């Protein structure tokens, strides 16, 4: 059975030098050696034909799994008429919501006076600006 190269390297370091307070230098050497060993091992594996076939199959499966979502990511892209219709519908909904909010506010405060003409004018102006922006 093959032994771990990192453990072998650690044993070699321990034979050459006693344990010192400056263990970080020794640990860095061990980590560097470990990274080199993993890099060599993974490079060898990734250079094989089997790995290339496995990676190709995995990518094909991933693309196939994403295909149903690709068409739904931008259903209205390139269809400005539908976008404009959607914007107009949203504007109408905002106006209706504003009307409902105004009614609720007026019924919640029966003792308060009705909104002044300038208040309703400013609300209409704001709605017009939103419509133009859409």
N, C-alpha and C. Protein backbone atom coordinates (compact mmCIF):
# COMPACT_ATOMS: atom_id res chain seq x y z
N UNK A 1 0.84 -1.17 0.00
CA UNK A 1 0.00 0.00 0.00
C UNK A 1 0.89 1.24 0.00
N UNK A 2 0.53 2.22 -0.84
CA UNK A 2 1.32 3.44 -0.95
C UNK A 2 1.08 4.32 0.26
N UNK A 3 2.13 4.97 0.68
CA UNK A 3 1.99 5.86 1.82
C UNK A 3 1.72 7.27 1.33
N UNK A 4 1.21 8.07 2.22
CA UNK A 4 0.87 9.46 1.89
C UNK A 4 2.15 10.28 1.75
N UNK A 5 2.34 10.98 0.62
CA UNK A 5 3.58 11.75 0.44
C UNK A 5 3.71 12.90 1.45
N UNK A 6 2.60 13.43 1.91
CA UNK A 6 2.66 14.51 2.89
C UNK A 6 3.19 14.00 4.21
N UNK A 7 2.72 12.82 4.61
CA UNK A 7 3.20 12.24 5.87
C UNK A 7 4.68 11.90 5.75
N UNK A 8 5.06 11.36 4.60
CA UNK A 8 6.47 11.04 4.39
C UNK A 8 7.33 12.31 4.48
N UNK A 9 6.85 13.38 3.90
CA UNK A 9 7.59 14.64 3.94
C UNK A 9 7.68 15.16 5.37
N UNK A 10 6.60 15.03 6.14
CA UNK A 10 6.60 15.46 7.54
C UNK A 10 7.63 14.66 8.34
N UNK A 11 7.67 13.36 8.12
CA UNK A 11 8.64 12.51 8.82
C UNK A 11 10.06 12.93 8.46
N UNK A 12 10.28 13.22 7.19
CA UNK A 12 11.61 13.66 6.75
C UNK A 12 12.01 14.97 7.43
N UNK A 13 11.09 15.92 7.50
CA UNK A 13 11.38 17.21 8.16
C UNK A 13 11.68 17.00 9.63
N UNK A 14 10.91 16.14 10.27
CA UNK A 14 11.11 15.90 11.71
C UNK A 14 12.45 15.23 11.98
N UNK A 15 12.94 14.40 11.03
CA UNK A 15 14.24 13.76 11.21
C UNK A 15 15.37 14.76 11.07
N UNK A 16 15.20 15.72 10.15
CA UNK A 16 16.26 16.69 9.88
C UNK A 16 16.39 17.75 10.96
N UNK A 17 15.27 18.16 11.49
CA UNK A 17 15.35 19.25 12.46
C UNK A 17 14.41 18.97 13.63
N UNK A 18 14.82 19.39 14.79
CA UNK A 18 13.93 19.21 15.94
C UNK A 18 12.77 20.20 15.86
N UNK A 19 11.76 19.94 16.64
CA UNK A 19 10.61 20.83 16.70
C UNK A 19 11.07 22.14 17.33
N UNK A 20 10.82 23.22 16.61
CA UNK A 20 11.24 24.54 17.08
C UNK A 20 10.01 25.40 17.35
N UNK A 21 10.22 26.49 18.05
CA UNK A 21 9.07 27.38 18.26
C UNK A 21 8.53 27.95 16.96
N UNK A 22 9.35 27.99 15.94
CA UNK A 22 8.91 28.55 14.67
C UNK A 22 8.31 27.44 13.78
N UNK A 23 7.19 26.90 14.21
CA UNK A 23 6.55 25.80 13.48
C UNK A 23 5.87 26.26 12.19
N UNK A 24 5.59 27.56 12.09
CA UNK A 24 4.90 28.05 10.90
C UNK A 24 5.72 27.82 9.64
N UNK A 25 7.02 27.94 9.73
CA UNK A 25 7.88 27.70 8.57
C UNK A 25 7.76 26.25 8.13
N UNK A 26 7.81 25.35 9.11
CA UNK A 26 7.68 23.93 8.78
C UNK A 26 6.29 23.62 8.22
N UNK A 27 5.26 24.20 8.82
CA UNK A 27 3.91 23.96 8.31
C UNK A 27 3.77 24.49 6.89
N UNK A 28 4.37 25.63 6.60
CA UNK A 28 4.29 26.19 5.24
C UNK A 28 4.95 25.24 4.25
N UNK A 29 6.10 24.69 4.63
CA UNK A 29 6.77 23.72 3.75
C UNK A 29 5.86 22.52 3.50
N UNK A 30 5.22 22.04 4.55
CA UNK A 30 4.32 20.88 4.40
C UNK A 30 3.16 21.22 3.48
N UNK A 31 2.56 22.37 3.69
CA UNK A 31 1.43 22.76 2.84
C UNK A 31 1.85 22.95 1.40
N UNK A 32 3.00 23.57 1.18
CA UNK A 32 3.50 23.74 -0.19
C UNK A 32 3.72 22.39 -0.85
N UNK A 33 4.32 21.48 -0.10
CA UNK A 33 4.56 20.13 -0.64
C UNK A 33 3.23 19.43 -0.95
N UNK A 34 2.27 19.59 -0.05
CA UNK A 34 0.96 18.98 -0.26
C UNK A 34 0.28 19.54 -1.50
N UNK A 35 0.32 20.86 -1.67
CA UNK A 35 -0.28 21.48 -2.85
C UNK A 35 0.39 21.00 -4.13
N UNK A 36 1.69 20.88 -4.10
CA UNK A 36 2.41 20.37 -5.27
C UNK A 36 1.99 18.93 -5.59
N UNK A 37 1.88 18.10 -4.55
CA UNK A 37 1.49 16.70 -4.76
C UNK A 37 0.08 16.62 -5.35
N UNK A 38 -0.86 17.40 -4.79
CA UNK A 38 -2.23 17.39 -5.33
C UNK A 38 -2.25 17.93 -6.76
N UNK A 39 -1.49 18.95 -7.02
CA UNK A 39 -1.44 19.52 -8.37
C UNK A 39 -0.96 18.50 -9.38
N UNK A 40 0.10 17.78 -9.04
CA UNK A 40 0.60 16.74 -9.95
C UNK A 40 -0.43 15.64 -10.15
N UNK A 41 -1.05 15.19 -9.05
CA UNK A 41 -2.02 14.10 -9.15
C UNK A 41 -3.23 14.51 -9.99
N UNK A 42 -3.75 15.70 -9.74
CA UNK A 42 -4.92 16.14 -10.49
C UNK A 42 -4.58 16.42 -11.95
N UNK A 43 -3.40 16.92 -12.21
CA UNK A 43 -2.98 17.14 -13.60
C UNK A 43 -2.92 15.83 -14.36
N UNK A 44 -2.40 14.80 -13.70
CA UNK A 44 -2.34 13.48 -14.34
C UNK A 44 -3.74 12.95 -14.64
N UNK A 45 -4.65 13.10 -13.68
CA UNK A 45 -6.02 12.61 -13.88
C UNK A 45 -6.72 13.39 -14.99
N UNK A 46 -6.58 14.72 -14.97
CA UNK A 46 -7.27 15.54 -15.97
C UNK A 46 -6.71 15.37 -17.37
N UNK A 47 -5.52 14.82 -17.49
CA UNK A 47 -4.92 14.60 -18.81
C UNK A 47 -5.40 13.31 -19.47
N UNK A 48 -6.21 12.52 -18.77
CA UNK A 48 -6.67 11.25 -19.33
C UNK A 48 -7.89 11.43 -20.21
N UNK A 49 -8.07 10.48 -21.10
CA UNK A 49 -9.23 10.49 -21.99
C UNK A 49 -10.53 10.23 -21.20
N UNK A 50 -10.45 9.40 -20.18
CA UNK A 50 -11.63 9.11 -19.37
C UNK A 50 -12.17 10.37 -18.69
N UNK A 51 -11.25 11.19 -18.19
CA UNK A 51 -11.68 12.44 -17.55
C UNK A 51 -12.33 13.36 -18.58
N UNK A 52 -11.75 13.44 -19.77
CA UNK A 52 -12.32 14.29 -20.83
C UNK A 52 -13.72 13.83 -21.19
N UNK A 53 -13.92 12.52 -21.30
CA UNK A 53 -15.26 12.01 -21.62
C UNK A 53 -16.24 12.28 -20.48
N UNK A 54 -15.82 12.09 -19.25
CA UNK A 54 -16.68 12.35 -18.10
C UNK A 54 -17.05 13.82 -18.02
N UNK A 55 -16.07 14.70 -18.22
CA UNK A 55 -16.34 16.13 -18.19
C UNK A 55 -17.29 16.53 -19.32
N UNK A 56 -17.08 15.98 -20.50
CA UNK A 56 -17.97 16.27 -21.64
C UNK A 56 -19.40 15.82 -21.35
N UNK A 57 -19.56 14.62 -20.79
CA UNK A 57 -20.89 14.12 -20.47
C UNK A 57 -21.55 14.98 -19.39
N UNK A 58 -20.77 15.41 -18.41
CA UNK A 58 -21.32 16.26 -17.34
C UNK A 58 -21.78 17.59 -17.90
N UNK A 59 -21.00 18.19 -18.77
CA UNK A 59 -21.38 19.47 -19.36
C UNK A 59 -22.64 19.31 -20.22
N UNK A 60 -22.72 18.24 -20.98
CA UNK A 60 -23.91 18.00 -21.80
C UNK A 60 -25.15 17.82 -20.93
N UNK A 61 -25.03 17.11 -19.83
CA UNK A 61 -26.15 16.94 -18.91
C UNK A 61 -26.56 18.28 -18.29
N UNK A 62 -25.59 19.10 -17.95
CA UNK A 62 -25.89 20.39 -17.36
C UNK A 62 -26.61 21.28 -18.37
N UNK A 63 -26.15 21.28 -19.61
CA UNK A 63 -26.79 22.09 -20.66
C UNK A 63 -28.22 21.58 -20.90
N UNK A 64 -28.39 20.27 -20.93
CA UNK A 64 -29.73 19.71 -21.13
C UNK A 64 -30.66 20.08 -19.98
N UNK A 65 -30.13 20.11 -18.76
CA UNK A 65 -30.95 20.48 -17.60
C UNK A 65 -31.32 21.95 -17.63
N UNK A 66 -30.47 22.80 -18.21
CA UNK A 66 -30.73 24.24 -18.27
C UNK A 66 -31.63 24.62 -19.44
N UNK A 67 -31.76 23.78 -20.43
CA UNK A 67 -32.52 24.11 -21.64
C UNK A 67 -33.96 24.54 -21.37
N UNK A 68 -34.72 23.86 -20.50
CA UNK A 68 -36.09 24.31 -20.27
C UNK A 68 -36.17 25.72 -19.69
N UNK A 69 -35.15 26.13 -18.97
CA UNK A 69 -35.17 27.45 -18.34
C UNK A 69 -34.67 28.54 -19.28
N UNK A 70 -33.93 28.18 -20.30
CA UNK A 70 -33.34 29.17 -21.19
C UNK A 70 -34.41 29.96 -21.93
N UNK A 71 -35.46 29.32 -22.37
CA UNK A 71 -36.54 30.01 -23.09
C UNK A 71 -37.39 30.87 -22.19
N UNK A 72 -37.42 30.58 -20.89
CA UNK A 72 -38.26 31.32 -19.97
C UNK A 72 -37.54 32.49 -19.32
N UNK A 73 -36.25 32.61 -19.56
CA UNK A 73 -35.48 33.67 -18.91
C UNK A 73 -35.93 35.04 -19.38
N UNK A 74 -36.23 35.19 -20.65
CA UNK A 74 -36.66 36.47 -21.19
C UNK A 74 -37.80 36.25 -22.17
N UNK A 75 -39.02 35.93 -21.68
CA UNK A 75 -40.12 35.60 -22.59
C UNK A 75 -40.57 36.77 -23.44
N UNK A 76 -40.36 38.00 -22.98
CA UNK A 76 -40.83 39.14 -23.74
C UNK A 76 -39.71 39.85 -24.48
N UNK A 77 -38.51 39.30 -24.44
CA UNK A 77 -37.38 39.95 -25.10
C UNK A 77 -37.65 40.02 -26.59
N UNK A 78 -37.43 41.19 -27.15
CA UNK A 78 -37.63 41.38 -28.58
C UNK A 78 -39.08 41.58 -28.96
N UNK A 79 -39.99 41.79 -28.01
CA UNK A 79 -41.41 41.98 -28.29
C UNK A 79 -41.87 43.28 -27.65
N UNK A 80 -41.54 44.42 -28.25
CA UNK A 80 -41.84 45.70 -27.62
C UNK A 80 -43.33 45.96 -27.45
N UNK A 81 -44.17 45.44 -28.36
CA UNK A 81 -45.61 45.66 -28.23
C UNK A 81 -46.14 45.04 -26.94
N UNK A 82 -45.68 43.84 -26.65
CA UNK A 82 -46.13 43.17 -25.42
C UNK A 82 -45.61 43.89 -24.18
N UNK A 83 -44.39 44.40 -24.27
CA UNK A 83 -43.84 45.16 -23.15
C UNK A 83 -44.62 46.44 -22.92
N UNK A 84 -44.98 47.13 -23.98
CA UNK A 84 -45.75 48.36 -23.85
C UNK A 84 -47.14 48.07 -23.28
N UNK A 85 -47.76 46.98 -23.71
CA UNK A 85 -49.07 46.61 -23.19
C UNK A 85 -48.98 46.28 -21.70
N UNK A 86 -47.93 45.60 -21.32
CA UNK A 86 -47.72 45.28 -19.91
C UNK A 86 -47.49 46.54 -19.08
N UNK A 87 -46.72 47.49 -19.62
CA UNK A 87 -46.48 48.75 -18.91
C UNK A 87 -47.77 49.54 -18.76
N UNK A 88 -48.60 49.56 -19.80
CA UNK A 88 -49.89 50.27 -19.72
C UNK A 88 -50.80 49.62 -18.68
N UNK A 89 -50.82 48.30 -18.65
CA UNK A 89 -51.64 47.59 -17.67
C UNK A 89 -51.16 47.89 -16.26
N UNK A 90 -49.86 47.92 -16.05
CA UNK A 90 -49.33 48.24 -14.73
C UNK A 90 -49.70 49.67 -14.33
N UNK A 91 -49.67 50.58 -15.30
CA UNK A 91 -50.03 51.98 -15.01
C UNK A 91 -51.49 52.07 -14.59
N UNK A 92 -52.36 51.34 -15.29
CA UNK A 92 -53.79 51.33 -14.92
C UNK A 92 -53.98 50.74 -13.53
N UNK A 93 -53.25 49.70 -13.22
CA UNK A 93 -53.35 49.10 -11.88
C UNK A 93 -52.88 50.08 -10.80
N UNK A 94 -51.81 50.81 -11.09
CA UNK A 94 -51.32 51.80 -10.13
C UNK A 94 -52.36 52.89 -9.89
N UNK A 95 -53.00 53.34 -10.98
CA UNK A 95 -54.03 54.37 -10.84
C UNK A 95 -55.20 53.85 -10.01
N UNK A 96 -55.61 52.65 -10.27
CA UNK A 96 -56.73 52.06 -9.53
C UNK A 96 -56.36 51.90 -8.06
N UNK A 97 -55.17 51.46 -7.79
CA UNK A 97 -54.70 51.32 -6.41
C UNK A 97 -54.69 52.67 -5.71
N UNK A 98 -54.24 53.71 -6.43
CA UNK A 98 -54.24 55.05 -5.85
C UNK A 98 -55.67 55.49 -5.51
N UNK A 99 -56.62 55.20 -6.38
CA UNK A 99 -58.02 55.56 -6.12
C UNK A 99 -58.54 54.83 -4.88
N UNK A 100 -58.21 53.58 -4.78
CA UNK A 100 -58.65 52.79 -3.62
C UNK A 100 -58.03 53.34 -2.34
N UNK A 101 -56.76 53.66 -2.39
CA UNK A 101 -56.10 54.23 -1.21
C UNK A 101 -56.73 55.56 -0.81
N UNK A 102 -57.09 56.39 -1.80
CA UNK A 102 -57.74 57.67 -1.50
C UNK A 102 -59.10 57.46 -0.85
N UNK A 103 -59.85 56.50 -1.35
CA UNK A 103 -61.17 56.21 -0.75
C UNK A 103 -61.02 55.72 0.68
N UNK A 104 -60.06 54.85 0.90
CA UNK A 104 -59.84 54.33 2.26
C UNK A 104 -59.45 55.46 3.19
N UNK A 105 -58.57 56.34 2.72
CA UNK A 105 -58.13 57.46 3.55
C UNK A 105 -59.29 58.40 3.85
N UNK A 106 -60.17 58.62 2.88
CA UNK A 106 -61.29 59.54 3.12
C UNK A 106 -62.33 58.93 4.04
N UNK A 107 -62.52 57.63 4.02
CA UNK A 107 -63.49 57.01 4.93
C UNK A 107 -62.90 56.80 6.31
N UNK A 108 -61.59 56.68 6.40
CA UNK A 108 -60.96 56.47 7.69
C UNK A 108 -60.94 57.75 8.51
N UNK A 109 -60.96 58.91 7.85
CA UNK A 109 -60.94 60.19 8.54
C UNK A 109 -62.17 61.00 8.16
N UNK A 110 -63.35 60.64 8.64
CA UNK A 110 -64.56 61.36 8.24
C UNK A 110 -64.60 62.80 8.75
N UNK A 111 -63.93 63.08 9.85
CA UNK A 111 -63.96 64.44 10.38
C UNK A 111 -63.00 65.35 9.63
N UNK A 112 -62.03 64.79 8.97
CA UNK A 112 -61.07 65.62 8.24
C UNK A 112 -61.73 66.15 6.98
N UNK A 113 -61.31 67.29 6.57
CA UNK A 113 -61.89 67.89 5.38
C UNK A 113 -61.44 67.12 4.15
N UNK A 114 -62.20 67.28 3.09
CA UNK A 114 -61.87 66.61 1.83
C UNK A 114 -60.59 67.19 1.28
N UNK A 115 -59.85 66.42 0.52
CA UNK A 115 -58.61 66.94 -0.03
C UNK A 115 -58.88 68.17 -0.89
N UNK A 116 -57.98 69.10 -0.81
CA UNK A 116 -58.16 70.33 -1.58
C UNK A 116 -57.95 70.06 -3.05
N UNK A 117 -58.35 71.02 -3.86
CA UNK A 117 -58.22 70.87 -5.31
C UNK A 117 -56.76 70.76 -5.71
N UNK A 118 -55.90 71.49 -4.98
CA UNK A 118 -54.47 71.43 -5.33
C UNK A 118 -53.89 70.05 -5.03
N UNK A 119 -54.40 69.38 -3.94
CA UNK A 119 -53.93 68.03 -3.64
C UNK A 119 -54.31 67.06 -4.74
N UNK A 120 -55.58 67.14 -5.19
CA UNK A 120 -56.01 66.20 -6.24
C UNK A 120 -55.33 66.53 -7.56
N UNK A 121 -55.06 67.82 -7.82
CA UNK A 121 -54.33 68.20 -9.03
C UNK A 121 -52.92 67.63 -9.02
N UNK A 122 -52.26 67.71 -7.86
CA UNK A 122 -50.90 67.19 -7.79
C UNK A 122 -50.90 65.67 -7.94
N UNK A 123 -51.92 64.99 -7.41
CA UNK A 123 -52.02 63.54 -7.57
C UNK A 123 -52.22 63.19 -9.04
N UNK A 124 -53.09 63.95 -9.74
CA UNK A 124 -53.31 63.70 -11.17
C UNK A 124 -52.02 63.94 -11.96
N UNK A 125 -51.32 65.01 -11.62
CA UNK A 125 -50.08 65.32 -12.32
C UNK A 125 -49.06 64.20 -12.12
N UNK A 126 -48.97 63.69 -10.91
CA UNK A 126 -48.04 62.59 -10.64
C UNK A 126 -48.41 61.36 -11.46
N UNK A 127 -49.72 61.06 -11.54
CA UNK A 127 -50.16 59.91 -12.33
C UNK A 127 -49.83 60.09 -13.80
N UNK A 128 -50.03 61.31 -14.31
CA UNK A 128 -49.71 61.58 -15.71
C UNK A 128 -48.22 61.38 -15.98
N UNK A 129 -47.38 61.83 -15.05
CA UNK A 129 -45.94 61.66 -15.23
C UNK A 129 -45.58 60.18 -15.27
N UNK A 130 -46.23 59.39 -14.41
CA UNK A 130 -45.93 57.95 -14.39
C UNK A 130 -46.36 57.32 -15.71
N UNK A 131 -47.52 57.73 -16.23
CA UNK A 131 -47.98 57.17 -17.51
C UNK A 131 -47.03 57.51 -18.63
N UNK A 132 -46.55 58.73 -18.67
CA UNK A 132 -45.63 59.15 -19.72
C UNK A 132 -44.30 58.40 -19.62
N UNK A 133 -43.87 58.18 -18.38
CA UNK A 133 -42.61 57.46 -18.17
C UNK A 133 -42.71 56.02 -18.62
N UNK A 134 -43.90 55.43 -18.47
CA UNK A 134 -44.10 54.03 -18.88
C UNK A 134 -44.21 53.97 -20.35
